[in-house]
Every structure is written in C-alpha cells, then in structure tokens.
Amino acid sequence: MKFCEKCEAMLIPRKEDKKTIFVCNSCGWISNRKENIVLSEKVGDGKKSLIDVVDKKVEVLPKVDQECPKCNHGKSYYWLVQTRAGDEAETRFFKCVKCNHTWREY
C-alpha cells in the first residue's frame, strides 16, 4: 500500500497508456517513482458456503380474529394499503390462515 507524500492519503492505482501509476484521490498528487507494480485481488476464501433450501412459506404479517367468508376459519393475516386519495382511509386486506383466500374491507 502506498501513501501520498503531501497529504498522507492512500494512493490509488490508475492505468495511463500502458503504465500503471499511483494517484492521490484527495490532492491529485501523482507518484513519479519507477516501481514494479503488481495488482492482485483475492475474492472469497475458496470454500463454497452451504445454503439451506427451505421449502416453507414464512408469513410475517400480523394475525387477527377475522372470520374468512369462504371457509369460516376464525384467524386471518391483515395489512393496510392506501388505495385512494391521501385524505381518505386506507383499505384493509385480509388473508385466511387456513385457505389463503384474500378479501378486503373498506
């Protein structure tokens, strides 16, 4: 790692023509030293991470005691959406826990 001789900020490598030079992003100072520059980058640790595939739907919506009009189950998820003008009340949507039927209430 190289640092600027003027402001001591980190120098950034930049390609100009066929040469790579170091330039300061803070003050614009350019290094004029003749050095062999080798840029390398290592990404990750080479090990494949294990990913668990879960075939299960996770509901994060709150539950409320609201009867489903389709199956008469007593629990439903709900959420609110502003479907009309801002000065009017929002629309309440429900989704049955048992049969996944969705309906709304104004």
Protein backbone atom coordinates (compact mmCIF):
# COMPACT_ATOMS: atom_id res chain seq x y z
CA MET A 1 0.00 0.00 0.00
CA LYS A 2 1.34 3.43 -0.94
CA PHE A 3 0.57 6.80 0.65
CA CYS A 4 0.69 10.38 -0.65
CA GLU A 5 3.80 12.39 0.26
CA LYS A 6 1.76 15.63 0.53
CA CYS A 7 -1.44 14.73 2.44
CA GLU A 8 -0.66 11.13 3.52
CA ALA A 9 -3.88 9.78 1.96
CA MET A 10 -3.87 6.35 0.34
CA LEU A 11 -2.72 6.30 -3.28
CA ILE A 12 -4.99 4.68 -5.86
CA PRO A 13 -3.52 2.80 -8.85
CA ARG A 14 -4.62 4.09 -12.25
CA LYS A 15 -3.73 2.96 -15.76
CA GLU A 16 -2.46 5.60 -18.16
CA ASP A 17 -1.39 4.47 -21.60
CA LYS A 18 0.32 1.14 -20.91
CA LYS A 19 1.68 2.07 -17.47
CA THR A 20 0.11 1.89 -14.02
CA ILE A 21 0.72 4.92 -11.80
CA PHE A 22 -0.34 5.88 -8.28
CA VAL A 23 -2.58 8.94 -7.87
CA CYS A 24 -3.89 10.61 -4.71
CA ASN A 25 -7.68 11.00 -4.70
CA SER A 26 -7.53 13.79 -2.12
CA CYS A 27 -4.98 16.26 -3.51
CA GLY A 28 -4.27 14.89 -7.00
CA TRP A 29 -0.56 14.21 -6.39
CA ILE A 30 0.98 11.73 -8.82
CA SER A 31 3.82 9.42 -7.80
CA ASN A 32 6.78 9.63 -10.19
CA ARG A 33 8.75 6.73 -8.70
CA LYS A 34 9.70 3.92 -11.05
CA GLU A 35 8.47 0.75 -9.37
CA ASN A 36 7.24 -2.63 -10.45
CA ILE A 37 3.55 -2.62 -9.64
CA VAL A 38 1.69 -5.88 -9.25
CA LEU A 39 -2.05 -5.61 -8.68
CA SER A 40 -3.81 -8.67 -7.33
CA GLU A 41 -7.22 -9.31 -5.89
CA LYS A 42 -8.49 -12.26 -3.90
CA VAL A 43 -12.23 -12.79 -3.67
CA GLY A 44 -13.68 -15.11 -1.05
CA ASP A 45 -11.87 -17.88 0.74
CA GLY A 46 -12.29 -20.50 -1.98
CA LYS A 47 -14.70 -22.57 0.05
CA LYS A 48 -18.26 -22.98 -1.10
CA SER A 49 -20.75 -21.94 1.52
CA LEU A 50 -23.62 -24.25 2.30
CA ILE A 51 -27.06 -22.88 1.58
CA ASP A 52 -30.07 -24.47 3.17
CA VAL A 53 -33.07 -24.53 0.87
CA VAL A 54 -36.24 -24.23 2.88
CA ASP A 55 -39.42 -25.12 1.06
CA LYS A 56 -41.68 -23.38 3.53
CA LYS A 57 -43.55 -20.11 3.25
CA VAL A 58 -42.93 -17.85 6.23
CA GLU A 59 -45.65 -15.30 6.95
CA VAL A 60 -44.52 -12.11 8.64
CA LEU A 61 -47.93 -10.42 8.63
CA PRO A 62 -49.83 -9.97 11.91
CA LYS A 63 -52.77 -12.26 12.71
CA VAL A 64 -56.18 -11.04 13.77
CA ASP A 65 -59.51 -12.63 14.75
CA GLN A 66 -61.35 -12.14 11.45
CA GLU A 67 -63.62 -14.82 10.01
CA CYS A 68 -62.94 -15.95 6.44
CA PRO A 69 -66.03 -15.56 4.21
CA LYS A 70 -65.03 -18.64 2.20
CA CYS A 71 -64.18 -21.32 4.82
CA ASN A 72 -65.36 -19.61 8.05
CA HIS A 73 -61.96 -20.04 9.73
CA GLY A 74 -61.52 -17.57 12.59
CA LYS A 75 -57.91 -16.33 12.02
CA SER A 76 -56.58 -14.12 9.22
CA TYR A 77 -53.48 -12.16 8.33
CA TYR A 78 -54.00 -8.47 7.59
CA TRP A 79 -52.23 -5.46 6.03
CA LEU A 80 -53.17 -1.90 5.11
CA VAL A 81 -52.76 -0.21 1.72
CA GLN A 82 -53.51 3.40 0.74
CA THR A 83 -55.55 2.73 -2.43
CA ARG A 84 -57.38 6.04 -2.72
CA ALA A 85 -56.51 9.69 -2.08
CA GLY A 86 -54.30 10.55 0.88
CA ASP A 87 -57.11 12.20 2.83
CA GLU A 88 -59.28 9.06 2.73
CA ALA A 89 -58.95 5.97 4.92
CA GLU A 90 -56.72 3.11 3.82
CA THR A 91 -58.04 -0.25 2.60
CA ARG A 92 -57.64 -3.23 4.93
CA PHE A 93 -56.73 -6.53 3.25
CA PHE A 94 -57.18 -9.94 4.88
CA LYS A 95 -55.80 -13.37 4.01
CA CYS A 96 -57.15 -16.53 5.60
CA VAL A 97 -54.60 -18.55 7.58
CA LYS A 98 -56.23 -21.83 6.54
CA CYS A 99 -57.31 -21.49 2.87
CA ASN A 100 -55.28 -18.38 1.78
CA HIS A 101 -58.45 -16.65 0.50
CA THR A 102 -57.86 -12.89 0.22
CA TRP A 103 -60.50 -10.17 0.63
CA ARG A 104 -60.63 -6.51 1.52
CA GLU A 105 -62.57 -4.23 3.79
CA TYR A 106 -63.00 -0.51 3.10
